[in-house]
Amino acid sequence: MTDSTEPKIICRELSIDAARVAEMRRIVALIEADPTADQDAARRLREMIAGWEFLFARAKTTNAPGGRA
């Protein structure tokens, strides 16, 4: 279970938190390890993960005490 203070991104009924991002990283690793797998899918997942991590970092600085409004 995730900490309630942990940032979440909610988009069209899809809640993304750090635990889900970690799971996506594991999936990317499995795709990359399989030479017959769609490596373009792994690249797209990495890009999505980078976007989520950017939004998490922004949420932490924005929601932190003394952070931007």
PDB file of N, CA and C in Angstrom:
ATOM      1  N   MET A   1       0.846  -1.175   0.000  1.00  0.00           N
ATOM      2  CA  MET A   1       0.000   0.000   0.000  1.00  0.00           C
ATOM      3  C   MET A   1       0.890   1.236   0.000  1.00  0.00           C
ATOM      4  N   THR A   2       0.451   2.279  -0.670  1.00  0.00           N
ATOM      5  CA  THR A   2       1.261   3.482  -0.773  1.00  0.00           C
ATOM      6  C   THR A   2       0.917   4.462   0.331  1.00  0.00           C
ATOM      7  N   ASP A   3       1.853   5.312   0.626  1.00  0.00           N
ATOM      8  CA  ASP A   3       1.685   6.363   1.608  1.00  0.00           C
ATOM      9  C   ASP A   3       0.674   7.375   1.074  1.00  0.00           C
ATOM     10  N   SER A   4      -0.244   7.831   1.900  1.00  0.00           N
ATOM     11  CA  SER A   4      -1.273   8.757   1.434  1.00  0.00           C
ATOM     12  C   SER A   4      -0.697  10.119   1.063  1.00  0.00           C
ATOM     13  N   THR A   5       0.507  10.436   1.524  1.00  0.00           N
ATOM     14  CA  THR A   5       1.123  11.717   1.174  1.00  0.00           C
ATOM     15  C   THR A   5       1.895  11.637  -0.143  1.00  0.00           C
ATOM     16  N   GLU A   6       2.019  10.439  -0.693  1.00  0.00           N
ATOM     17  CA  GLU A   6       2.743  10.245  -1.945  1.00  0.00           C
ATOM     18  C   GLU A   6       1.933  10.821  -3.104  1.00  0.00           C
ATOM     19  N   PRO A   7       2.574  11.579  -4.001  1.00  0.00           N
ATOM     20  CA  PRO A   7       1.819  12.142  -5.120  1.00  0.00           C
ATOM     21  C   PRO A   7       1.236  11.066  -6.014  1.00  0.00           C
ATOM     22  N   LYS A   8       0.084  11.362  -6.545  1.00  0.00           N
ATOM     23  CA  LYS A   8      -0.563  10.475  -7.502  1.00  0.00           C
ATOM     24  C   LYS A   8      -0.962  11.303  -8.708  1.00  0.00           C
ATOM     25  N   ILE A   9      -0.975  10.677  -9.847  1.00  0.00           N
ATOM     26  CA  ILE A   9      -1.442  11.316 -11.058  1.00  0.00           C
ATOM     27  C   ILE A   9      -2.703  10.574 -11.463  1.00  0.00           C
ATOM     28  N   ILE A  10      -3.788  11.294 -11.579  1.00  0.00           N
ATOM     29  CA  ILE A  10      -5.041  10.657 -11.940  1.00  0.00           C
ATOM     30  C   ILE A  10      -5.480  11.184 -13.301  1.00  0.00           C
ATOM     31  N   CYS A  11      -5.652  10.277 -14.227  1.00  0.00           N
ATOM     32  CA  CYS A  11      -5.992  10.644 -15.590  1.00  0.00           C
ATOM     33  C   CYS A  11      -6.979   9.624 -16.134  1.00  0.00           C
ATOM     34  N   ARG A  12      -8.184  10.057 -16.428  1.00  0.00           N
ATOM     35  CA  ARG A  12      -9.196   9.165 -17.007  1.00  0.00           C
ATOM     36  C   ARG A  12      -9.321   7.847 -16.260  1.00  0.00           C
ATOM     37  N   GLU A  13      -9.586   7.930 -14.994  1.00  0.00           N
ATOM     38  CA  GLU A  13      -9.814   6.749 -14.169  1.00  0.00           C
ATOM     39  C   GLU A  13      -8.568   5.882 -13.987  1.00  0.00           C
ATOM     40  N   LEU A  14      -7.401   6.374 -14.342  1.00  0.00           N
ATOM     41  CA  LEU A  14      -6.164   5.625 -14.160  1.00  0.00           C
ATOM     42  C   LEU A  14      -5.322   6.354 -13.121  1.00  0.00           C
ATOM     43  N   SER A  15      -5.086   5.715 -12.011  1.00  0.00           N
ATOM     44  CA  SER A  15      -4.298   6.305 -10.946  1.00  0.00           C
ATOM     45  C   SER A  15      -2.879   5.746 -11.035  1.00  0.00           C
ATOM     46  N   ILE A  16      -1.917   6.630 -11.166  1.00  0.00           N
ATOM     47  CA  ILE A  16      -0.513   6.232 -11.270  1.00  0.00           C
ATOM     48  C   ILE A  16       0.204   6.695 -10.008  1.00  0.00           C
ATOM     49  N   ASP A  17       0.867   5.768  -9.340  1.00  0.00           N
ATOM     50  CA  ASP A  17       1.673   6.121  -8.184  1.00  0.00           C
ATOM     51  C   ASP A  17       3.040   5.466  -8.337  1.00  0.00           C
ATOM     52  N   ALA A  18       3.907   5.675  -7.369  1.00  0.00           N
ATOM     53  CA  ALA A  18       5.279   5.169  -7.454  1.00  0.00           C
ATOM     54  C   ALA A  18       5.322   3.649  -7.581  1.00  0.00           C
ATOM     55  N   ALA A  19       4.409   2.951  -6.926  1.00  0.00           N
ATOM     56  CA  ALA A  19       4.398   1.486  -7.005  1.00  0.00           C
ATOM     57  C   ALA A  19       4.078   1.023  -8.427  1.00  0.00           C
ATOM     58  N   ARG A  20       3.147   1.690  -9.078  1.00  0.00           N
ATOM     59  CA  ARG A  20       2.812   1.323 -10.452  1.00  0.00           C
ATOM     60  C   ARG A  20       3.951   1.647 -11.404  1.00  0.00           C
ATOM     61  N   VAL A  21       4.641   2.750 -11.163  1.00  0.00           N
ATOM     62  CA  VAL A  21       5.795   3.100 -11.996  1.00  0.00           C
ATOM     63  C   VAL A  21       6.889   2.050 -11.826  1.00  0.00           C
ATOM     64  N   ALA A  22       7.104   1.593 -10.611  1.00  0.00           N
ATOM     65  CA  ALA A  22       8.107   0.546 -10.366  1.00  0.00           C
ATOM     66  C   ALA A  22       7.741  -0.728 -11.117  1.00  0.00           C
ATOM     67  N   GLU A  23       6.458  -1.065 -11.127  1.00  0.00           N
ATOM     68  CA  GLU A  23       6.014  -2.245 -11.866  1.00  0.00           C
ATOM     69  C   GLU A  23       6.241  -2.058 -13.369  1.00  0.00           C
ATOM     70  N   MET A  24       5.988  -0.870 -13.862  1.00  0.00           N
ATOM     71  CA  MET A  24       6.231  -0.593 -15.285  1.00  0.00           C
ATOM     72  C   MET A  24       7.718  -0.736 -15.618  1.00  0.00           C
ATOM     73  N   ARG A  25       8.587  -0.317 -14.707  1.00  0.00           N
ATOM     74  CA  ARG A  25      10.033  -0.488 -14.922  1.00  0.00           C
ATOM     75  C   ARG A  25      10.393  -1.967 -15.032  1.00  0.00           C
ATOM     76  N   ARG A  26       9.775  -2.799 -14.200  1.00  0.00           N
ATOM     77  CA  ARG A  26      10.027  -4.245 -14.270  1.00  0.00           C
ATOM     78  C   ARG A  26       9.552  -4.809 -15.616  1.00  0.00           C
ATOM     79  N   ILE A  27       8.433  -4.332 -16.090  1.00  0.00           N
ATOM     80  CA  ILE A  27       7.918  -4.774 -17.393  1.00  0.00           C
ATOM     81  C   ILE A  27       8.863  -4.361 -18.504  1.00  0.00           C
ATOM     82  N   VAL A  28       9.366  -3.132 -18.459  1.00  0.00           N
ATOM     83  CA  VAL A  28      10.328  -2.671 -19.462  1.00  0.00           C
ATOM     84  C   VAL A  28      11.565  -3.560 -19.459  1.00  0.00           C
ATOM     85  N   ALA A  29      12.052  -3.906 -18.269  1.00  0.00           N
ATOM     86  CA  ALA A  29      13.237  -4.768 -18.174  1.00  0.00           C
ATOM     87  C   ALA A  29      12.979  -6.129 -18.820  1.00  0.00           C
ATOM     88  N   LEU A  30      11.776  -6.670 -18.611  1.00  0.00           N
ATOM     89  CA  LEU A  30      11.443  -7.955 -19.235  1.00  0.00           C
ATOM     90  C   LEU A  30      11.387  -7.838 -20.760  1.00  0.00           C
ATOM     91  N   ILE A  31      10.812  -6.764 -21.249  1.00  0.00           N
ATOM     92  CA  ILE A  31      10.733  -6.555 -22.700  1.00  0.00           C
ATOM     93  C   ILE A  31      12.138  -6.429 -23.280  1.00  0.00           C
ATOM     94  N   GLU A  32      12.977  -5.636 -22.621  1.00  0.00           N
ATOM     95  CA  GLU A  32      14.334  -5.415 -23.127  1.00  0.00           C
ATOM     96  C   GLU A  32      15.166  -6.698 -23.098  1.00  0.00           C
ATOM     97  N   ALA A  33      14.866  -7.581 -22.176  1.00  0.00           N
ATOM     98  CA  ALA A  33      15.627  -8.833 -22.064  1.00  0.00           C
ATOM     99  C   ALA A  33      15.246  -9.847 -23.145  1.00  0.00           C
ATOM    100  N   ASP A  34      14.111  -9.648 -23.778  1.00  0.00           N
ATOM    101  CA  ASP A  34      13.628 -10.579 -24.797  1.00  0.00           C
ATOM    102  C   ASP A  34      13.908 -10.013 -26.189  1.00  0.00           C
ATOM    103  N   PRO A  35      14.856 -10.593 -26.908  1.00  0.00           N
ATOM    104  CA  PRO A  35      15.210 -10.045 -28.229  1.00  0.00           C
ATOM    105  C   PRO A  35      14.078 -10.147 -29.257  1.00  0.00           C
ATOM    106  N   THR A  36      13.104 -10.999 -29.000  1.00  0.00           N
ATOM    107  CA  THR A  36      11.992 -11.127 -29.946  1.00  0.00           C
ATOM    108  C   THR A  36      10.836 -10.177 -29.618  1.00  0.00           C
ATOM    109  N   ALA A  37      10.928  -9.479 -28.484  1.00  0.00           N
ATOM    110  CA  ALA A  37       9.856  -8.576 -28.060  1.00  0.00           C
ATOM    111  C   ALA A  37       9.925  -7.253 -28.835  1.00  0.00           C
ATOM    112  N   ASP A  38       8.843  -6.535 -28.801  1.00  0.00           N
ATOM    113  CA  ASP A  38       8.738  -5.246 -29.476  1.00  0.00           C
ATOM    114  C   ASP A  38       9.532  -4.198 -28.682  1.00  0.00           C
ATOM    115  N   GLN A  39      10.734  -3.905 -29.138  1.00  0.00           N
ATOM    116  CA  GLN A  39      11.588  -2.951 -28.426  1.00  0.00           C
ATOM    117  C   GLN A  39      11.046  -1.522 -28.507  1.00  0.00           C
ATOM    118  N   ASP A  40      10.247  -1.247 -29.524  1.00  0.00           N
ATOM    119  CA  ASP A  40       9.621   0.062 -29.621  1.00  0.00           C
ATOM    120  C   ASP A  40       8.627   0.257 -28.469  1.00  0.00           C
ATOM    121  N   ALA A  41       7.967  -0.818 -28.073  1.00  0.00           N
ATOM    122  CA  ALA A  41       7.048  -0.750 -26.927  1.00  0.00           C
ATOM    123  C   ALA A  41       7.825  -0.402 -25.659  1.00  0.00           C
ATOM    124  N   ALA A  42       9.001  -0.983 -25.496  1.00  0.00           N
ATOM    125  CA  ALA A  42       9.830  -0.677 -24.324  1.00  0.00           C
ATOM    126  C   ALA A  42      10.233   0.797 -24.339  1.00  0.00           C
ATOM    127  N   ARG A  43      10.589   1.310 -25.507  1.00  0.00           N
ATOM    128  CA  ARG A  43      10.969   2.720 -25.620  1.00  0.00           C
ATOM    129  C   ARG A  43       9.791   3.619 -25.250  1.00  0.00           C
ATOM    130  N   ARG A  44       8.597   3.295 -25.731  1.00  0.00           N
ATOM    131  CA  ARG A  44       7.412   4.106 -25.418  1.00  0.00           C
ATOM    132  C   ARG A  44       7.097   4.054 -23.919  1.00  0.00           C
ATOM    133  N   LEU A  45       7.222   2.882 -23.315  1.00  0.00           N
ATOM    134  CA  LEU A  45       6.994   2.776 -21.870  1.00  0.00           C
ATOM    135  C   LEU A  45       8.015   3.600 -21.086  1.00  0.00           C
ATOM    136  N   ARG A  46       9.283   3.554 -21.508  1.00  0.00           N
ATOM    137  CA  ARG A  46      10.311   4.369 -20.834  1.00  0.00           C
ATOM    138  C   ARG A  46       9.957   5.855 -20.918  1.00  0.00           C
ATOM    139  N   GLU A  47       9.461   6.291 -22.077  1.00  0.00           N
ATOM    140  CA  GLU A  47       9.067   7.695 -22.237  1.00  0.00           C
ATOM    141  C   GLU A  47       7.891   8.044 -21.330  1.00  0.00           C
ATOM    142  N   MET A  48       6.928   7.138 -21.214  1.00  0.00           N
ATOM    143  CA  MET A  48       5.796   7.375 -20.322  1.00  0.00           C
ATOM    144  C   MET A  48       6.262   7.462 -18.871  1.00  0.00           C
ATOM    145  N   ILE A  49       7.147   6.551 -18.491  1.00  0.00           N
ATOM    146  CA  ILE A  49       7.673   6.548 -17.126  1.00  0.00           C
ATOM    147  C   ILE A  49       8.405   7.852 -16.843  1.00  0.00           C
ATOM    148  N   ALA A  50       9.209   8.319 -17.784  1.00  0.00           N
ATOM    149  CA  ALA A  50       9.931   9.580 -17.599  1.00  0.00           C
ATOM    150  C   ALA A  50       8.946  10.735 -17.402  1.00  0.00           C
ATOM    151  N   GLY A  51       7.857  10.715 -18.151  1.00  0.00           N
ATOM    152  CA  GLY A  51       6.842  11.756 -17.990  1.00  0.00           C
ATOM    153  C   GLY A  51       6.192  11.703 -16.620  1.00  0.00           C
ATOM    154  N   TRP A  52       5.844  10.487 -16.155  1.00  0.00           N
ATOM    155  CA  TRP A  52       5.247  10.359 -14.835  1.00  0.00           C
ATOM    156  C   TRP A  52       6.215  10.819 -13.753  1.00  0.00           C
ATOM    157  N   GLU A  53       7.492  10.442 -13.877  1.00  0.00           N
ATOM    158  CA  GLU A  53       8.477  10.842 -12.871  1.00  0.00           C
ATOM    159  C   GLU A  53       8.648  12.351 -12.850  1.00  0.00           C
ATOM    160  N   PHE A  54       8.589  12.980 -14.023  1.00  0.00           N
ATOM    161  CA  PHE A  54       8.657  14.444 -14.082  1.00  0.00           C
ATOM    162  C   PHE A  54       7.465  15.046 -13.338  1.00  0.00           C
ATOM    163  N   LEU A  55       6.270  14.504 -13.594  1.00  0.00           N
ATOM    164  CA  LEU A  55       5.080  15.035 -12.930  1.00  0.00           C
ATOM    165  C   LEU A  55       5.110  14.777 -11.424  1.00  0.00           C
ATOM    166  N   PHE A  56       5.643  13.618 -10.982  1.00  0.00           N
ATOM    167  CA  PHE A  56       5.788  13.350  -9.553  1.00  0.00           C
ATOM    168  C   PHE A  56       6.716  14.384  -8.916  1.00  0.00           C
ATOM    169  N   ALA A  57       7.848  14.638  -9.567  1.00  0.00           N
ATOM    170  CA  ALA A  57       8.813  15.600  -9.025  1.00  0.00           C
ATOM    171  C   ALA A  57       8.181  16.993  -8.943  1.00  0.00           C
ATOM    172  N   ARG A  58       7.445  17.347  -9.963  1.00  0.00           N
ATOM    173  CA  ARG A  58       6.786  18.656  -9.969  1.00  0.00           C
ATOM    174  C   ARG A  58       5.731  18.728  -8.866  1.00  0.00           C
ATOM    175  N   ALA A  59       4.969  17.649  -8.687  1.00  0.00           N
ATOM    176  CA  ALA A  59       3.949  17.633  -7.636  1.00  0.00           C
ATOM    177  C   ALA A  59       4.581  17.756  -6.256  1.00  0.00           C
ATOM    178  N   LYS A  60       5.722  17.108  -6.056  1.00  0.00           N
ATOM    179  CA  LYS A  60       6.385  17.177  -4.750  1.00  0.00           C
ATOM    180  C   LYS A  60       6.852  18.598  -4.465  1.00  0.00           C
ATOM    181  N   THR A  61       7.418  19.291  -5.466  1.00  0.00           N
ATOM    182  CA  THR A  61       7.893  20.655  -5.224  1.00  0.00           C
ATOM    183  C   THR A  61       6.733  21.626  -5.112  1.00  0.00           C
ATOM    184  N   THR A  62       5.663  21.384  -5.854  1.00  0.00           N
ATOM    185  CA  THR A  62       4.508  22.271  -5.812  1.00  0.00           C
ATOM    186  C   THR A  62       3.734  22.105  -4.518  1.00  0.00           C
ATOM    187  N   ASN A  63       3.598  20.866  -4.044  1.00  0.00           N
ATOM    188  CA  ASN A  63       2.803  20.595  -2.847  1.00  0.00           C
ATOM    189  C   ASN A  63       3.608  20.659  -1.554  1.00  0.00           C
ATOM    190  N   ALA A  64       4.922  20.791  -1.678  1.00  0.00           N
ATOM    191  CA  ALA A  64       5.762  20.837  -0.474  1.00  0.00           C
ATOM    192  C   ALA A  64       5.555  22.163   0.255  1.00  0.00           C
ATOM    193  N   PRO A  65       5.695  22.152   1.580  1.00  0.00           N
ATOM    194  CA  PRO A  65       5.606  23.413   2.321  1.00  0.00           C
ATOM    195  C   PRO A  65       6.644  24.397   1.778  1.00  0.00           C
ATOM    196  N   GLY A  66       6.204  25.574   1.446  1.00  0.00           N
ATOM    197  CA  GLY A  66       7.113  26.575   0.890  1.00  0.00           C
ATOM    198  C   GLY A  66       7.354  26.393  -0.595  1.00  0.00           C
ATOM    199  N   GLY A  67       6.676  25.405  -1.206  1.00  0.00           N
ATOM    200  CA  GLY A  67       6.826  25.148  -2.645  1.00  0.00           C
ATOM    201  C   GLY A  67       6.059  26.167  -3.456  1.00  0.00           C
ATOM    202  N   ARG A  68       6.152  26.015  -4.753  1.00  0.00           N
ATOM    203  CA  ARG A  68       5.441  26.937  -5.645  1.00  0.00           C
ATOM    204  C   ARG A  68       3.948  26.724  -5.510  1.00  0.00           C
ATOM    205  N   ALA A  69       3.223  27.772  -5.772  1.00  0.00           N
ATOM    206  CA  ALA A  69       1.749  27.691  -5.724  1.00  0.00           C
ATOM    207  C   ALA A  69       1.185  27.341  -7.076  1.00  0.00           C
TER     208      ALA A  69
END
